[in-house]
Every structure is written in C-alpha cells, then in structure tokens.
Amino acid sequence: MKKKLVLFFAIVLTVSLLLASCGAKSEMDAVGYGNGAVAGEAMPGDYSAESPSSSGDGDEWGGLADDAGGAVKLQTSLGEKIIYSSDVAVETVEFDKAVESVEAMLTRYGAFLESSSVAGKSYAETASGRQTYRQAVFVIRVPVDAFGDMNTDLENVGNVTNHRVYTENITERYYDTQSRVDSYRVEQERLLAMLEKCGTVTEMIEIESRLSEVRYELEALESTLRNWQNRVDYSTVNVTLNEVREYTKPVEIHRTYWQQIGDGLRNTLENIGEFFKELFRWIVVNLPTIVLIAAFAAVVVVLVLAVTRKVRARKVKQDKAVDAVFPDVDRKE
C-alpha cells in the first residue's frame, strides 16, 4: 500500500513539474524571448530574420506565396529582372548631322542622356592645315521597351562598325534581396514593439543597438533594389560616333593567297601615296616658314663667306709685308 502511495505522489509531482515548465516557456515566448534566453535578459543580437511568408504581408514583395505546408516558393507569374546594355560604334562623314540624329532619338524613344563628350578639332592641328576628325561618346538610358528599336535606328546614323548587346539576369539576386528586406522590416516592427515594453535601461540599449543595425541594413538593401530596378527599367546604350573621311570598306572573310598579297600591295601603295600627299601638304602649308629659314640661312652663309675672305685677304697682305722686309726667309704654308 505504501509503495502505491509513493508511486502515485511521484507521478503527480512529475506531471506538476512538466506543467510548470511548459507554462514558464510559453510565458517567455509571449514577451518575445526565446532560444534559451532567460526572462529579463533580452538578447536583441540573436533575433533571427523571419521568413517573408510569416510577415503577414501576403504577396507584397512580388510573387512569393505560402503553400499548404508553409514553405515559400516562386509563383509562375514572377517577372524576370534582366538588365540590357549595348555598345555601338558608328562612323560618319557628316559629324554634326549625326550628332543631331542621336539627340533626336532621345525625344523619339523617351530616353535621356546620362553623359556625353566630344573630342577632336585640335587648334594646333587645324592651324597647321592638318585634317582633324572628331569623336563623340554618348551614354544613353532608354526605356527597356524601346531598347531594340533604338539599337536598330542607330544603323541609320552612319556606318556601324561594332555592335554588341549584353544581358544580365538578376532575377534570383533581386528577389533574394527583396526577401531580406521584408525580413528586416518584420524584425524592425518587432524591435519597435519590444522597445515600448522593455523594463530596464540595459534592454533598451541592446534593442536600440540592434534596431540601428537593422535600419542600416534595410536602407542599404532598399537602395540596391532601387538601383537594380532603375537599370532594369532603363537600358543603357553606349554610342561612340567617329568622324571619318570615308567609310571603312567591308572585308571579305575568305580571301585567297594571291588576293591577300594584292590587298597588301594595294595598301602599301596607298600608304606611300598618303605619305607624299601629307609631305606636299606640309611643305605648302609651311612654305612661309621655310622661306624665312632659307633666307636667314643664306644671310648667315654670306656673312661667313665675307668674314672668311677678309681673313684670307689680311693674311695675304701680312705675308707680302713680311716678304718685303725679310726676302730670304722661307715660310711654311
């Protein structure tokens, strides 16, 4: 009988301890503590970011939803985030007209100019009569819907010598970052709620410290998302406009051995012709300077010859005087 009573009281005591333990744990969770933390010793640095699916915001961040088991998955309607850009090199024999054509595209396609520069037309080269060629570089941001049309339209500006299109798919990174943003927002709301209920200065300092970290990370991630979205919405077109005397001739890919020799010989003769043309141009342009230098050199030569004659005449005169005084003296020349 005594053994049964002892066993009965042992069972009752065990059940009581279990109920007390569960009650204490649920009470700690109610005030936001967990993961082994003791009541009254909050640990804001250990608060883990929640999954976006637990934020209660539904599909706020664009395409994520909960399934029956609570897991997060991408919806089939999720839009891809792709960044488009291109490099286009264009030759033109009418530089000013080509620049106007590029600028007109900005209005036609709803684009804007991010940066531009024009180089060439050196004063020294122009003053010397040398033909100078200009180059303009444009960095254009165009709505993604008009990206293809603008690239095609650039072929009407001049002779396109280089055209490359680049794509960068940032879908996974974008939505992963958006998920982190949502998680930080949830954590921020919980930290603000805990800040209102904290009872000690130590808790307040720890929560505010963590809240500052969360806000800093949140602002950085949101800035990244805005930058990505801007690059997705507005593609980048880099246009290099080169002024030339004549368009580059297209080269056939398949050339025979003798055709290659002919091409090389023809290029050599053209280069020789260009050299003499440039030499003749240089002589004509600098003719006044050449005449002045030649005149100055002639004057110098005349003066040198005159001085030389005078020196020789003086020497001859001295020799004659010596011969008259000393007729028997032999002079070695």
Protein backbone atom coordinates (compact mmCIF):
# COMPACT_ATOMS: atom_id res chain seq x y z
CA MET A 1 0.00 0.00 0.00
CA LYS A 2 2.80 2.39 0.91
CA LYS A 3 4.58 1.61 -2.38
CA LYS A 4 1.43 2.52 -4.33
CA LEU A 5 1.10 5.84 -2.45
CA VAL A 6 4.74 6.69 -3.12
CA LEU A 7 4.33 5.86 -6.81
CA PHE A 8 1.16 7.95 -7.00
CA PHE A 9 2.81 11.03 -5.43
CA ALA A 10 5.84 10.61 -7.72
CA ILE A 11 3.61 10.65 -10.80
CA VAL A 12 1.71 13.69 -9.55
CA LEU A 13 4.97 15.55 -8.83
CA THR A 14 6.37 14.76 -12.28
CA VAL A 15 3.21 15.97 -14.05
CA SER A 16 3.23 19.16 -11.96
CA LEU A 17 6.85 19.92 -12.89
CA LEU A 18 6.13 19.35 -16.58
CA LEU A 19 3.12 21.68 -16.50
CA ALA A 20 5.11 24.33 -14.67
CA SER A 21 7.92 24.07 -17.22
CA CYS A 22 5.55 24.42 -20.17
CA GLY A 23 3.86 27.39 -18.58
CA ALA A 24 7.16 29.16 -17.99
CA LYS A 25 8.27 28.57 -21.57
CA SER A 26 5.02 29.86 -23.04
CA GLU A 27 5.27 32.94 -20.83
CA MET A 28 8.79 33.64 -22.03
CA ASP A 29 7.73 33.30 -25.67
CA ALA A 30 4.82 35.68 -25.08
CA VAL A 31 7.21 38.55 -24.23
CA GLY A 32 9.42 37.81 -27.24
CA TYR A 33 12.30 35.93 -25.63
CA GLY A 34 13.44 32.50 -26.72
CA ASN A 35 16.27 30.40 -27.95
CA GLY A 36 17.39 29.68 -24.40
CA ALA A 37 17.26 33.30 -23.18
CA VAL A 38 16.30 33.92 -19.58
CA ALA A 39 13.44 36.27 -18.78
CA GLY A 40 14.79 39.73 -18.01
CA GLU A 41 17.95 39.14 -20.11
CA ALA A 42 16.90 40.09 -23.62
CA MET A 43 19.34 39.27 -26.45
CA PRO A 44 18.45 41.50 -29.45
CA GLY A 45 21.60 40.49 -31.25
CA ASP A 46 20.30 36.94 -31.53
CA TYR A 47 16.98 37.82 -33.17
CA SER A 48 16.94 35.94 -36.43
CA ALA A 49 15.31 37.38 -39.56
CA GLU A 50 11.92 35.87 -40.22
CA SER A 51 10.85 34.36 -43.49
CA PRO A 52 8.79 36.74 -45.67
CA SER A 53 5.96 34.23 -45.59
CA SER A 54 5.50 34.91 -41.86
CA SER A 55 5.28 38.68 -42.23
CA GLY A 56 1.56 38.67 -42.87
CA ASP A 57 2.03 40.95 -45.87
CA GLY A 58 0.75 38.40 -48.38
CA ASP A 59 2.45 38.74 -51.76
CA GLU A 60 3.68 42.28 -51.12
CA TRP A 61 7.17 41.63 -52.43
CA GLY A 62 6.11 40.42 -55.81
CA GLY A 63 5.42 36.79 -56.41
CA LEU A 64 6.16 34.89 -53.20
CA ALA A 65 3.32 32.99 -51.56
CA ASP A 66 2.81 30.26 -48.97
CA ASP A 67 1.81 26.76 -49.89
CA ALA A 68 -0.18 24.43 -47.67
CA GLY A 69 2.91 23.40 -45.72
CA GLY A 70 4.09 26.96 -45.07
CA ALA A 71 7.08 26.77 -47.47
CA VAL A 72 7.96 29.74 -49.67
CA LYS A 73 8.02 29.23 -53.43
CA LEU A 74 8.14 31.35 -56.57
CA GLN A 75 4.91 31.85 -58.41
CA THR A 76 4.78 31.19 -62.11
CA SER A 77 3.74 34.82 -62.65
CA LEU A 78 7.01 36.09 -61.20
CA GLY A 79 8.54 38.68 -63.57
CA GLU A 80 12.17 38.30 -64.54
CA LYS A 81 14.63 41.09 -63.82
CA ILE A 82 17.01 41.43 -66.78
CA ILE A 83 19.43 44.30 -67.39
CA TYR A 84 20.11 45.11 -71.05
CA SER A 85 23.00 47.19 -72.39
CA SER A 86 24.82 47.65 -75.69
CA ASP A 87 27.96 49.16 -77.22
CA VAL A 88 27.57 50.70 -80.68
CA ALA A 89 30.41 52.22 -82.75
CA VAL A 90 29.30 54.33 -85.72
CA GLU A 91 31.31 56.01 -88.48
CA THR A 92 30.00 59.18 -90.13
CA VAL A 93 31.18 61.59 -92.80
CA GLU A 94 28.67 64.20 -91.58
CA PHE A 95 29.51 64.54 -87.92
CA ASP A 96 27.22 67.43 -86.95
CA LYS A 97 24.23 65.86 -88.68
CA ALA A 98 24.92 62.52 -86.99
CA VAL A 99 25.07 64.18 -83.56
CA GLU A 100 21.70 65.84 -84.23
CA SER A 101 20.25 62.46 -85.23
CA VAL A 102 21.38 60.85 -81.98
CA GLU A 103 19.97 63.73 -79.93
CA ALA A 104 16.66 63.45 -81.80
CA MET A 105 16.40 59.81 -80.71
CA LEU A 106 16.23 60.89 -77.08
CA THR A 107 12.87 62.54 -77.65
CA ARG A 108 11.61 59.88 -80.05
CA TYR A 109 12.22 57.00 -77.64
CA GLY A 110 11.67 58.75 -74.32
CA ALA A 111 15.33 58.34 -73.38
CA PHE A 112 17.68 60.64 -71.52
CA LEU A 113 21.37 61.42 -71.77
CA GLU A 114 23.39 60.22 -68.81
CA SER A 115 26.68 61.64 -70.10
CA SER A 116 28.30 62.85 -73.32
CA SER A 117 31.64 64.13 -74.56
CA VAL A 118 33.13 65.38 -77.84
CA ALA A 119 36.86 65.27 -78.60
CA GLY A 120 38.96 66.35 -81.58
CA LYS A 121 39.43 69.57 -83.56
CA SER A 122 42.79 70.42 -82.01
CA TYR A 123 43.67 74.08 -82.62
CA ALA A 124 47.31 73.23 -83.32
CA GLU A 125 46.38 70.63 -85.90
CA THR A 126 43.79 72.87 -87.51
CA ALA A 127 46.22 75.80 -87.66
CA SER A 128 48.79 73.62 -89.40
CA GLY A 129 46.26 72.64 -92.05
CA ARG A 130 46.01 69.06 -90.92
CA GLN A 131 42.64 67.35 -91.25
CA THR A 132 41.25 66.56 -87.80
CA TYR A 133 38.46 64.13 -87.01
CA ARG A 134 36.08 64.33 -84.08
CA GLN A 135 34.67 61.67 -81.80
CA ALA A 136 31.53 61.85 -79.68
CA VAL A 137 30.66 59.44 -76.88
CA PHE A 138 27.10 59.19 -75.57
CA VAL A 139 25.80 57.18 -72.62
CA ILE A 140 22.03 56.92 -73.17
CA ARG A 141 19.39 55.48 -70.85
CA VAL A 142 16.38 54.29 -72.79
CA PRO A 143 13.17 52.55 -71.62
CA VAL A 144 13.61 48.80 -71.98
CA ASP A 145 10.64 48.59 -74.38
CA ALA A 146 12.45 50.91 -76.82
CA PHE A 147 15.91 49.34 -76.39
CA GLY A 148 15.75 47.20 -79.54
CA ASP A 149 14.26 49.97 -81.69
CA MET A 150 16.97 52.46 -80.71
CA ASN A 151 19.74 49.97 -81.46
CA THR A 152 18.22 49.31 -84.87
CA ASP A 153 17.73 53.01 -85.58
CA LEU A 154 21.41 53.76 -84.90
CA GLU A 155 22.21 51.98 -88.17
CA ASN A 156 20.62 54.97 -89.96
CA VAL A 157 23.07 57.41 -88.36
CA GLY A 158 26.11 56.11 -90.21
CA ASN A 159 28.21 53.05 -90.83
CA VAL A 160 28.01 50.71 -87.81
CA THR A 161 31.42 49.06 -87.34
CA ASN A 162 30.77 47.41 -83.98
CA HIS A 163 27.56 46.45 -82.22
CA ARG A 164 27.40 44.33 -79.06
CA VAL A 165 24.43 43.62 -76.82
CA TYR A 166 24.80 42.42 -73.22
CA THR A 167 22.23 40.90 -70.85
CA GLU A 168 22.44 40.32 -67.13
CA ASN A 169 19.75 38.27 -65.40
CA ILE A 170 19.48 39.43 -61.78
CA THR A 171 16.13 37.79 -61.03
CA GLU A 172 17.43 35.49 -58.32
CA ARG A 173 19.55 38.16 -56.65
CA TYR A 174 16.75 40.72 -56.85
CA TYR A 175 14.10 38.60 -55.17
CA ASP A 176 16.55 37.20 -52.64
CA THR A 177 17.40 40.78 -51.66
CA GLN A 178 13.70 41.66 -51.55
CA SER A 179 13.15 38.71 -49.21
CA ARG A 180 15.85 40.03 -46.92
CA VAL A 181 14.22 43.46 -46.99
CA ASP A 182 10.88 42.00 -45.92
CA SER A 183 12.57 40.03 -43.16
CA TYR A 184 14.32 43.11 -41.83
CA ARG A 185 11.03 45.04 -41.91
CA VAL A 186 9.38 42.36 -39.79
CA GLU A 187 12.29 42.40 -37.36
CA GLN A 188 12.17 46.18 -37.21
CA GLU A 189 8.48 46.14 -36.28
CA ARG A 190 9.09 43.55 -33.55
CA LEU A 191 12.03 45.50 -32.16
CA LEU A 192 9.91 48.67 -32.01
CA ALA A 193 7.18 46.77 -30.17
CA MET A 194 9.72 45.34 -27.72
CA LEU A 195 11.25 48.80 -27.23
CA GLU A 196 7.91 50.06 -25.91
CA LYS A 197 7.66 47.18 -23.42
CA CYS A 198 11.29 46.91 -22.21
CA GLY A 199 11.65 47.41 -18.48
CA THR A 200 15.36 48.12 -17.98
CA VAL A 201 17.90 50.51 -19.43
CA THR A 202 20.12 47.58 -20.44
CA GLU A 203 17.33 46.06 -22.52
CA MET A 204 16.59 49.42 -24.12
CA ILE A 205 20.24 49.95 -25.11
CA GLU A 206 20.54 46.47 -26.59
CA ILE A 207 17.29 46.75 -28.54
CA GLU A 208 18.17 50.23 -29.87
CA SER A 209 21.61 48.97 -30.93
CA ARG A 210 20.07 46.11 -32.87
CA LEU A 211 17.41 48.44 -34.27
CA SER A 212 20.15 50.72 -35.66
CA GLU A 213 21.83 47.77 -37.35
CA VAL A 214 18.56 46.62 -38.87
CA ARG A 215 17.75 50.09 -40.20
CA TYR A 216 21.22 50.45 -41.71
CA GLU A 217 20.96 47.09 -43.48
CA LEU A 218 17.41 47.87 -44.59
CA GLU A 219 18.40 51.21 -46.16
CA ALA A 220 21.37 49.63 -47.97
CA LEU A 221 19.27 46.79 -49.38
CA GLU A 222 16.45 49.12 -50.45
CA SER A 223 18.99 51.34 -52.21
CA THR A 224 20.34 48.30 -54.05
CA LEU A 225 16.85 47.29 -55.13
CA ARG A 226 16.09 50.80 -56.41
CA ASN A 227 19.32 50.85 -58.40
CA TRP A 228 18.62 47.43 -59.90
CA GLN A 229 15.06 48.34 -60.79
CA ASN A 230 16.25 51.54 -62.46
CA ARG A 231 18.73 49.58 -64.57
CA VAL A 232 16.02 47.06 -65.46
CA ASP A 233 13.51 49.74 -66.46
CA TYR A 234 16.05 51.85 -68.37
CA SER A 235 18.60 50.03 -70.51
CA THR A 236 22.00 51.55 -71.29
CA VAL A 237 23.18 52.29 -74.83
CA ASN A 238 26.82 53.37 -75.22
CA VAL A 239 27.29 55.12 -78.56
CA THR A 240 30.71 56.05 -79.97
CA LEU A 241 30.42 58.33 -83.01
CA ASN A 242 33.60 58.61 -85.11
CA GLU A 243 34.07 61.22 -87.84
CA VAL A 244 35.89 59.75 -90.88
CA ARG A 245 36.86 60.86 -94.37
CA GLU A 246 35.35 57.73 -95.90
CA TYR A 247 33.61 54.69 -94.54
CA THR A 248 35.57 51.56 -93.74
CA LYS A 249 35.28 49.09 -96.56
CA PRO A 250 33.90 45.69 -95.60
CA VAL A 251 36.49 42.93 -95.85
CA GLU A 252 35.64 39.53 -97.27
CA ILE A 253 36.25 36.76 -94.79
CA HIS A 254 37.55 34.22 -97.31
CA ARG A 255 40.46 35.60 -99.37
CA THR A 256 42.87 33.54 -101.47
CA TYR A 257 46.63 33.72 -101.02
CA TRP A 258 47.13 35.94 -104.10
CA GLN A 259 44.19 38.12 -103.12
CA GLN A 260 45.84 38.70 -99.75
CA ILE A 261 49.10 39.67 -101.50
CA GLY A 262 47.17 42.04 -103.76
CA ASP A 263 45.44 43.58 -100.75
CA GLY A 264 48.78 44.10 -99.00
CA LEU A 265 50.42 45.64 -102.07
CA ARG A 266 47.47 47.92 -102.64
CA ASN A 267 47.55 49.07 -99.01
CA THR A 268 51.30 49.73 -99.25
CA LEU A 269 50.88 51.87 -102.39
CA GLU A 270 48.02 53.75 -100.77
CA ASN A 271 50.17 54.44 -97.71
CA ILE A 272 53.03 55.69 -99.89
CA GLY A 273 50.63 57.94 -101.75
CA GLU A 274 49.25 59.26 -98.47
CA PHE A 275 52.80 59.94 -97.24
CA PHE A 276 53.72 62.09 -100.25
CA LYS A 277 50.36 63.84 -100.13
CA GLU A 278 50.94 64.70 -96.47
CA LEU A 279 54.52 65.77 -97.26
CA PHE A 280 53.37 68.06 -100.08
CA ARG A 281 50.64 69.49 -97.87
CA TRP A 282 53.15 70.13 -95.10
CA ILE A 283 55.54 71.90 -97.48
CA VAL A 284 52.82 74.12 -98.92
CA VAL A 285 51.35 74.99 -95.53
CA ASN A 286 54.76 75.75 -94.00
CA LEU A 287 56.19 77.45 -97.11
CA PRO A 288 56.42 80.94 -95.49
CA THR A 289 58.33 79.48 -92.57
CA ILE A 290 60.60 77.53 -94.93
CA VAL A 291 61.31 80.71 -96.96
CA LEU A 292 62.21 82.68 -93.82
CA ILE A 293 64.51 79.92 -92.60
CA ALA A 294 66.15 79.68 -96.03
CA ALA A 295 66.65 83.46 -96.18
CA PHE A 296 68.16 83.50 -92.72
CA ALA A 297 70.46 80.63 -93.63
CA ALA A 298 71.52 82.45 -96.83
CA VAL A 299 72.37 85.61 -94.88
CA VAL A 300 74.41 83.57 -92.41
CA VAL A 301 76.29 81.86 -95.25
CA VAL A 302 77.02 85.21 -96.97
CA LEU A 303 78.32 86.71 -93.73
CA VAL A 304 80.51 83.67 -93.05
CA LEU A 305 81.95 83.82 -96.58
CA ALA A 306 82.60 87.56 -96.28
CA VAL A 307 84.42 87.18 -92.98
CA THR A 308 86.43 84.30 -94.42
CA ARG A 309 87.51 86.44 -97.41
CA LYS A 310 88.55 89.29 -95.17
CA VAL A 311 90.62 86.98 -93.01
CA ARG A 312 92.36 85.50 -96.03
CA ALA A 313 93.00 88.97 -97.58
CA ARG A 314 94.50 90.19 -94.33
CA LYS A 315 96.73 87.14 -94.14
CA VAL A 316 97.96 87.64 -97.73
CA LYS A 317 98.73 91.31 -97.04
CA GLN A 318 100.71 90.37 -93.94
CA ASP A 319 102.67 87.80 -95.87
CA LYS A 320 103.62 90.32 -98.53
CA ALA A 321 104.80 92.78 -95.89
CA VAL A 322 106.98 90.11 -94.29
CA ASP A 323 108.48 89.19 -97.70
CA ALA A 324 109.42 92.79 -98.34
CA VAL A 325 111.29 93.08 -95.01
CA PHE A 326 112.77 89.57 -94.94
CA PRO A 327 113.11 88.41 -98.54
CA ASP A 328 115.35 85.44 -97.64
CA VAL A 329 113.02 83.96 -95.01
CA ASP A 330 111.24 80.77 -96.01
CA ARG A 331 107.60 80.48 -94.79
CA LYS A 332 106.00 77.18 -94.36
CA GLU A 333 102.49 77.17 -95.62
